């Protein structure tokens, strides 16, 4: 199957939703190691971006998206609409990142396609 389309809207431009499969998600839980927490703690004293956490959360979002795509493929979807991220802390040392949306099957729209613009 081709790559899963993921959009934050409730439709895919130029496509028709032919089947709604249902809610779907990809999830990961991450924790910084002791060394990373110490470095982040020291950086927080000076203010500014805490690069150790920024990288960890960026990597976690990528993992959650990859798992969302894999889960969609496994249930026969070719797109995910209304894709969102959510996060929460587990205790004080772990962060859960979830990418979620609605798994659907889309096909090319037939007939005249109205182009969408943001002007």
Protein backbone atom coordinates (compact mmCIF):
# COMPACT_ATOMS: atom_id res chain seq x y z
CA UNK A 1 0.00 0.00 0.00
CA UNK A 2 1.14 3.56 -0.67
CA UNK A 3 2.15 5.98 2.06
CA UNK A 4 -0.66 6.98 4.42
CA UNK A 5 -1.94 10.53 3.90
CA UNK A 6 -2.33 12.40 7.18
CA UNK A 7 -4.18 15.70 7.38
CA UNK A 8 -5.42 17.89 10.22
CA UNK A 9 -8.62 18.70 8.34
CA UNK A 10 -11.75 16.56 8.15
CA UNK A 11 -11.30 15.99 4.42
CA UNK A 12 -8.51 15.40 1.89
CA UNK A 13 -8.60 17.90 -0.99
CA UNK A 14 -9.27 16.18 -4.32
CA UNK A 15 -10.33 12.96 -2.60
CA UNK A 16 -13.65 11.43 -1.58
CA UNK A 17 -13.96 9.50 1.67
CA UNK A 18 -15.44 6.14 0.74
CA UNK A 19 -15.16 4.43 4.11
CA UNK A 20 -14.71 5.59 7.69
CA UNK A 21 -12.87 2.93 9.66
CA UNK A 22 -12.70 4.74 12.99
CA UNK A 23 -10.40 6.15 15.65
CA UNK A 24 -6.73 5.29 15.42
CA UNK A 25 -3.57 6.26 17.27
CA UNK A 26 0.17 5.82 17.58
CA UNK A 27 1.74 6.20 20.99
CA UNK A 28 5.16 6.35 22.61
CA UNK A 29 6.40 6.99 26.14
CA UNK A 30 9.81 8.55 26.65
CA UNK A 31 12.04 9.31 29.58
CA UNK A 32 15.28 11.24 29.75
CA UNK A 33 18.14 9.37 31.34
CA UNK A 34 19.72 10.66 34.54
CA UNK A 35 22.48 12.44 32.61
CA UNK A 36 19.98 14.16 30.33
CA UNK A 37 17.89 15.29 33.29
CA UNK A 38 20.95 16.73 35.02
CA UNK A 39 22.03 18.63 31.89
CA UNK A 40 18.49 19.90 31.32
CA UNK A 41 18.27 20.99 34.94
CA UNK A 42 21.50 22.94 34.64
CA UNK A 43 20.34 24.57 31.38
CA UNK A 44 17.05 25.60 32.97
CA UNK A 45 18.97 27.71 35.49
CA UNK A 46 20.19 29.95 32.66
CA UNK A 47 16.88 30.12 30.82
CA UNK A 48 16.27 29.55 27.13
CA UNK A 49 15.61 26.42 25.12
CA UNK A 50 16.37 23.09 26.74
CA UNK A 51 17.70 21.24 23.71
CA UNK A 52 17.79 17.82 25.39
CA UNK A 53 14.01 17.89 25.88
CA UNK A 54 13.31 19.50 22.49
CA UNK A 55 15.12 16.65 20.71
CA UNK A 56 13.43 14.01 22.87
CA UNK A 57 9.95 15.40 22.15
CA UNK A 58 10.63 15.84 18.43
CA UNK A 59 11.85 12.23 18.20
CA UNK A 60 8.80 11.08 20.19
CA UNK A 61 6.41 12.86 17.80
CA UNK A 62 8.14 11.22 14.83
CA UNK A 63 7.80 7.81 16.49
CA UNK A 64 4.11 8.40 17.29
CA UNK A 65 3.45 9.44 13.65
CA UNK A 66 5.25 6.37 12.35
CA UNK A 67 3.19 4.12 14.63
CA UNK A 68 -0.02 5.89 13.57
CA UNK A 69 0.84 5.27 9.91
CA UNK A 70 1.66 1.61 10.60
CA UNK A 71 -1.59 1.09 12.54
CA UNK A 72 -3.62 2.71 9.73
CA UNK A 73 -2.00 0.44 7.15
CA UNK A 74 -2.72 -2.65 9.26
CA UNK A 75 -6.46 -1.92 9.35
CA UNK A 76 -6.76 -1.10 5.64
CA UNK A 77 -6.87 2.71 5.73
CA UNK A 78 -5.03 4.86 3.22
CA UNK A 79 -5.53 8.17 5.05
CA UNK A 80 -5.95 9.65 8.51
CA UNK A 81 -8.10 12.75 8.85
CA UNK A 82 -8.31 15.18 11.80
CA UNK A 83 -4.81 14.13 12.92
CA UNK A 84 -3.74 15.64 16.24
CA UNK A 85 -1.03 15.29 18.87
CA UNK A 86 -1.52 15.06 22.60
CA UNK A 87 0.95 14.65 25.42
CA UNK A 88 0.90 14.03 29.13
CA UNK A 89 3.36 13.39 31.91
CA UNK A 90 3.55 10.07 33.68
CA UNK A 91 4.99 10.68 37.10
CA UNK A 92 7.72 13.29 36.89
CA UNK A 93 10.12 11.42 34.63
CA UNK A 94 8.16 10.16 31.61
CA UNK A 95 6.22 11.82 28.81
CA UNK A 96 3.55 10.15 26.70
CA UNK A 97 3.08 11.42 23.14
CA UNK A 98 0.11 10.23 21.10
CA UNK A 99 -0.73 11.00 17.46
CA UNK A 100 -4.36 10.25 16.73
CA UNK A 101 -7.13 10.79 14.21
CA UNK A 102 -9.78 9.02 12.17
CA UNK A 103 -8.71 6.22 9.82
CA UNK A 104 -10.44 6.40 6.44
CA UNK A 105 -10.27 5.10 2.90
CA UNK A 106 -10.16 7.80 0.23
CA UNK A 107 -10.31 7.71 -3.55
CA UNK A 108 -9.72 10.34 -6.20
CA UNK A 109 -12.76 12.58 -6.55
CA UNK A 110 -14.58 12.36 -9.84
CA UNK A 111 -16.07 15.27 -11.73
CA UNK A 112 -15.19 18.90 -11.21
CA UNK A 113 -12.86 19.47 -8.31
CA UNK A 114 -13.14 22.83 -6.63
CA UNK A 115 -9.73 24.08 -5.61
CA UNK A 116 -9.37 25.40 -2.09
CA UNK A 117 -7.38 28.55 -1.47
CA UNK A 118 -6.55 30.53 1.61
CA UNK A 119 -6.76 34.01 0.10
